[in-house]
Amino acid sequence: MYNMIIEGTVDKKLISYVERVYNYLGLDEFEDCLFDLQFVKECSGGAGGYCNGDDEHVEVELARQDGEGRIPKKDLMINIAHESVHAQQMASGRLVNKGFVFRKDEINGGQVMTTKQIFDGKEYVGVNYKDQPWEIEAYSLESVVYEECK
């Protein structure tokens, strides 16, 4: 399955779906990048998934359950699509996580720790989750990817 590792308990139909998403998003074109998908019981903070990495190694963590119980298969598949969009953003170099930085706290003065990313060449520091352009893109594409690959 190209340059992808899948870890955790997952059925063959879901693996086939992951492969279709992988191909649909062109992740197979990033030959020098390793994609590591891990299916875990729960993600921290109750998230459906996380994606971290760079243009050499992208790690995706996907939750099988959240605070309400087992995540329905359709929702899990949408989460796979969403996090795979992030994997594509990172593998292509469009999304670069620069880690944590300190910036001035405009309300209380002093310094506050926040994250710094570069997306499509523009720097973003401490941007609210719902305003992050890479998240806006992933949310706008997740249903498209799901429908094309299910």
Protein backbone atom coordinates (compact mmCIF):
# COMPACT_ATOMS: atom_id res chain seq x y z
CA MET A 1 0.00 0.00 0.00
CA TYR A 2 2.62 2.49 -1.15
CA ASN A 3 4.31 4.53 1.57
CA MET A 4 1.57 4.13 4.19
CA ILE A 5 1.45 2.27 7.48
CA ILE A 6 -1.92 1.53 9.12
CA GLU A 7 -1.88 0.61 12.80
CA GLY A 8 -4.72 -0.47 15.07
CA THR A 9 -7.75 -2.67 14.71
CA VAL A 10 -9.49 -1.93 11.44
CA ASP A 11 -11.51 -4.05 8.99
CA LYS A 12 -10.64 -4.68 5.34
CA LYS A 13 -13.43 -2.44 4.04
CA LEU A 14 -12.08 0.49 6.01
CA ILE A 15 -8.55 -0.22 4.79
CA SER A 16 -9.89 -0.18 1.21
CA TYR A 17 -11.57 3.16 1.92
CA VAL A 18 -8.30 4.58 3.28
CA GLU A 19 -6.54 3.41 0.10
CA ARG A 20 -9.15 5.12 -2.09
CA VAL A 21 -8.81 8.37 -0.10
CA TYR A 22 -5.03 8.09 -0.33
CA ASN A 23 -5.20 7.74 -4.13
CA TYR A 24 -7.97 10.33 -4.59
CA LEU A 25 -5.94 12.98 -2.76
CA GLY A 26 -2.79 12.06 -4.67
CA LEU A 27 -0.87 11.07 -1.56
CA ASP A 28 0.78 8.30 -3.59
CA GLU A 29 2.60 11.04 -5.52
CA PHE A 30 4.61 12.01 -2.40
CA GLU A 31 7.06 9.10 -2.66
CA ASP A 32 9.50 10.60 -0.16
CA CYS A 33 6.85 11.03 2.53
CA LEU A 34 5.79 8.25 4.91
CA PHE A 35 2.13 8.29 6.00
CA ASP A 36 1.40 6.63 9.33
CA LEU A 37 -2.30 6.19 10.20
CA GLN A 38 -3.06 5.03 13.73
CA PHE A 39 -6.51 3.99 14.84
CA VAL A 40 -6.71 4.53 18.60
CA LYS A 41 -9.43 4.13 21.20
CA GLU A 42 -9.69 7.89 21.86
CA CYS A 43 -7.84 11.05 20.90
CA SER A 44 -6.98 13.66 23.49
CA GLY A 45 -9.53 16.42 23.99
CA GLY A 46 -12.28 14.26 22.51
CA ALA A 47 -11.13 15.00 18.95
CA GLY A 48 -12.06 12.72 16.08
CA GLY A 49 -8.50 12.84 14.83
CA TYR A 50 -5.22 14.67 14.61
CA CYS A 51 -2.64 15.13 11.89
CA ASN A 52 0.96 16.09 12.53
CA GLY A 53 4.08 16.05 10.47
CA ASP A 54 5.98 17.52 7.58
CA ASP A 55 6.87 16.74 3.98
CA GLU A 56 8.84 13.63 5.03
CA HIS A 57 6.60 11.95 7.63
CA VAL A 58 2.93 12.56 8.39
CA GLU A 59 1.21 10.92 11.35
CA VAL A 60 -2.57 10.72 11.50
CA GLU A 61 -4.32 9.60 14.67
CA LEU A 62 -8.00 8.61 14.38
CA ALA A 63 -10.34 7.97 17.30
CA ARG A 64 -12.63 4.94 17.36
CA GLN A 65 -14.71 6.50 20.13
CA ASP A 66 -15.30 9.83 21.85
CA GLY A 67 -17.10 11.02 24.98
CA GLU A 68 -20.43 9.84 23.56
CA GLY A 69 -19.21 6.31 22.77
CA ARG A 70 -18.22 4.53 19.59
CA ILE A 71 -17.89 6.85 16.59
CA PRO A 72 -20.29 5.73 13.82
CA LYS A 73 -18.51 4.32 10.75
CA LYS A 74 -19.68 7.15 8.45
CA ASP A 75 -18.33 9.76 10.89
CA LEU A 76 -15.06 7.82 11.18
CA MET A 77 -14.78 7.80 7.38
CA ILE A 78 -15.40 11.57 7.26
CA ASN A 79 -12.71 12.03 9.94
CA ILE A 80 -10.33 9.96 7.79
CA ALA A 81 -11.08 12.23 4.83
CA HIS A 82 -10.59 15.39 6.92
CA GLU A 83 -7.26 14.31 8.41
CA SER A 84 -6.09 13.02 5.02
CA VAL A 85 -6.64 16.50 3.57
CA HIS A 86 -4.29 17.77 6.30
CA ALA A 87 -1.82 14.99 5.37
CA GLN A 88 -1.88 16.26 1.79
CA GLN A 89 -1.39 19.85 2.97
CA MET A 90 1.66 18.82 5.03
CA ALA A 91 3.20 16.43 2.49
CA SER A 92 2.99 19.10 -0.21
CA GLY A 93 4.57 21.72 2.06
CA ARG A 94 1.47 23.93 1.95
CA LEU A 95 1.00 23.54 5.73
CA VAL A 96 4.10 23.83 7.89
CA ASN A 97 3.84 23.60 11.66
CA LYS A 98 6.50 25.81 13.22
CA GLY A 99 5.67 24.72 16.80
CA PHE A 100 5.03 26.90 19.80
CA VAL A 101 6.00 30.56 20.02
CA PHE A 102 5.45 33.35 22.50
CA ARG A 103 3.51 36.46 21.60
CA LYS A 104 2.35 39.51 23.52
CA ASP A 105 -0.93 39.05 25.39
CA GLU A 106 -2.97 42.05 24.20
CA ILE A 107 -5.44 41.81 27.11
CA ASN A 108 -3.25 41.14 30.16
CA GLY A 109 0.18 42.14 28.88
CA GLY A 110 3.06 39.76 29.25
CA GLN A 111 3.69 36.77 27.02
CA VAL A 112 1.38 33.94 26.00
CA MET A 113 2.40 30.68 24.33
CA THR A 114 0.62 29.88 21.05
CA THR A 115 1.17 27.95 17.84
CA LYS A 116 2.73 29.14 14.61
CA GLN A 117 1.94 27.69 11.18
CA ILE A 118 2.67 28.65 7.62
CA PHE A 119 -0.09 27.91 5.11
CA ASP A 120 0.30 28.65 1.42
CA GLY A 121 3.28 30.86 2.26
CA LYS A 122 1.49 33.02 4.84
CA GLU A 123 2.38 32.95 8.54
CA TYR A 124 -0.37 32.38 11.14
CA VAL A 125 0.25 32.83 14.87
CA GLY A 126 -2.43 32.05 17.44
CA VAL A 127 -5.33 31.93 14.97
CA ASN A 128 -8.62 30.58 16.36
CA TYR A 129 -9.32 27.02 15.21
CA LYS A 130 -12.44 27.93 13.21
CA ASP A 131 -10.52 30.71 11.40
CA GLN A 132 -7.52 28.60 10.36
CA PRO A 133 -7.53 28.40 6.55
CA TRP A 134 -6.19 24.81 6.54
CA GLU A 135 -9.13 23.76 8.73
CA ILE A 136 -11.61 25.68 6.56
CA GLU A 137 -10.22 23.83 3.54
CA ALA A 138 -10.32 20.41 5.25
CA TYR A 139 -13.92 20.92 6.41
CA SER A 140 -14.95 22.06 2.92
CA LEU A 141 -13.37 18.98 1.29
CA GLU A 142 -14.14 16.21 3.80
CA SER A 143 -17.64 15.45 2.46
CA VAL A 144 -16.44 15.64 -1.16
CA VAL A 145 -13.63 13.16 -0.44
CA TYR A 146 -16.00 10.91 1.53
CA GLU A 147 -18.62 10.86 -1.25
CA GLU A 148 -15.99 10.15 -3.95
CA CYS A 149 -14.29 7.38 -1.99
CA LYS A 150 -16.98 5.60 0.04
